[in-house]
């Protein structure tokens, strides 16, 4: 097992991101929610009812799965 100090890992990660042209935190595409299970929909509905801060950017009514 290779042990890497956090600072070294952070530097390597920054180099990989720069090589791939990634910047900031918005390079990961959001999950569309098209294949969301009924159970997950119920959990999200309950979180919405509770005014949860964890629903930032979550589409509770995504488009139907086209597959």
Protein backbone atom coordinates (compact mmCIF):
# COMPACT_ATOMS: atom_id res chain seq x y z
CA UNK A 1 0.00 0.00 0.00
CA UNK A 2 1.27 3.44 -0.94
CA UNK A 3 0.76 6.20 1.64
CA UNK A 4 0.23 9.68 0.23
CA UNK A 5 0.14 12.84 2.28
CA UNK A 6 -3.02 14.90 1.86
CA UNK A 7 -1.14 17.85 0.36
CA UNK A 8 0.44 15.57 -2.26
CA UNK A 9 -2.94 14.04 -3.08
CA UNK A 10 -4.47 17.51 -3.38
CA UNK A 11 -1.69 18.56 -5.78
CA UNK A 12 -2.11 15.41 -7.91
CA UNK A 13 -5.86 15.86 -8.05
CA UNK A 14 -5.49 19.52 -9.11
CA UNK A 15 -3.09 18.46 -11.87
CA UNK A 16 -5.49 15.77 -13.16
CA UNK A 17 -8.42 18.21 -13.14
CA UNK A 18 -6.36 20.83 -14.98
CA UNK A 19 -5.28 18.26 -17.58
CA UNK A 20 -8.93 17.35 -18.17
CA UNK A 21 -10.00 21.00 -18.33
CA UNK A 22 -12.18 20.75 -15.22
CA UNK A 23 -12.63 23.80 -13.00
CA UNK A 24 -14.72 24.66 -9.97
CA UNK A 25 -17.33 22.27 -8.61
CA UNK A 26 -19.90 22.23 -11.43
CA UNK A 27 -18.19 19.72 -13.72
CA UNK A 28 -20.19 16.73 -12.45
CA UNK A 29 -23.52 16.51 -14.28
CA UNK A 30 -26.63 16.51 -12.11
CA UNK A 31 -28.66 13.33 -11.81
CA UNK A 32 -31.80 13.76 -13.95
CA UNK A 33 -33.94 11.56 -11.67
CA UNK A 34 -35.61 9.85 -14.64
CA UNK A 35 -35.18 6.36 -13.17
CA UNK A 36 -36.05 7.30 -9.59
CA UNK A 37 -37.90 4.58 -7.65
CA UNK A 38 -41.26 5.21 -5.98
CA UNK A 39 -39.53 4.82 -2.61
CA UNK A 40 -36.99 7.53 -3.45
CA UNK A 41 -39.78 9.80 -4.69
CA UNK A 42 -41.59 9.32 -1.36
CA UNK A 43 -38.43 10.18 0.60
CA UNK A 44 -37.90 13.34 -1.46
CA UNK A 45 -41.55 14.34 -1.02
CA UNK A 46 -41.20 13.98 2.75
CA UNK A 47 -37.99 16.04 2.74
CA UNK A 48 -39.80 18.73 0.75
CA UNK A 49 -42.67 18.69 3.27
CA UNK A 50 -40.12 19.22 6.04
CA UNK A 51 -38.46 22.13 4.13
CA UNK A 52 -35.17 20.22 4.15
CA UNK A 53 -32.03 22.11 3.10
CA UNK A 54 -30.86 18.92 1.35
CA UNK A 55 -33.19 19.47 -1.63
CA UNK A 56 -31.17 22.27 -3.21
CA UNK A 57 -31.31 21.74 -6.97
CA UNK A 58 -33.40 18.54 -6.79
CA UNK A 59 -36.11 18.21 -9.44
CA UNK A 60 -38.98 16.39 -7.73
CA UNK A 61 -40.85 15.92 -11.02
CA UNK A 62 -38.21 14.82 -13.57
CA UNK A 63 -39.15 13.91 -17.15
CA UNK A 64 -40.24 10.31 -17.76
CA UNK A 65 -37.59 7.73 -18.63
CA UNK A 66 -37.29 7.46 -22.40
CA UNK A 67 -35.78 3.97 -22.33
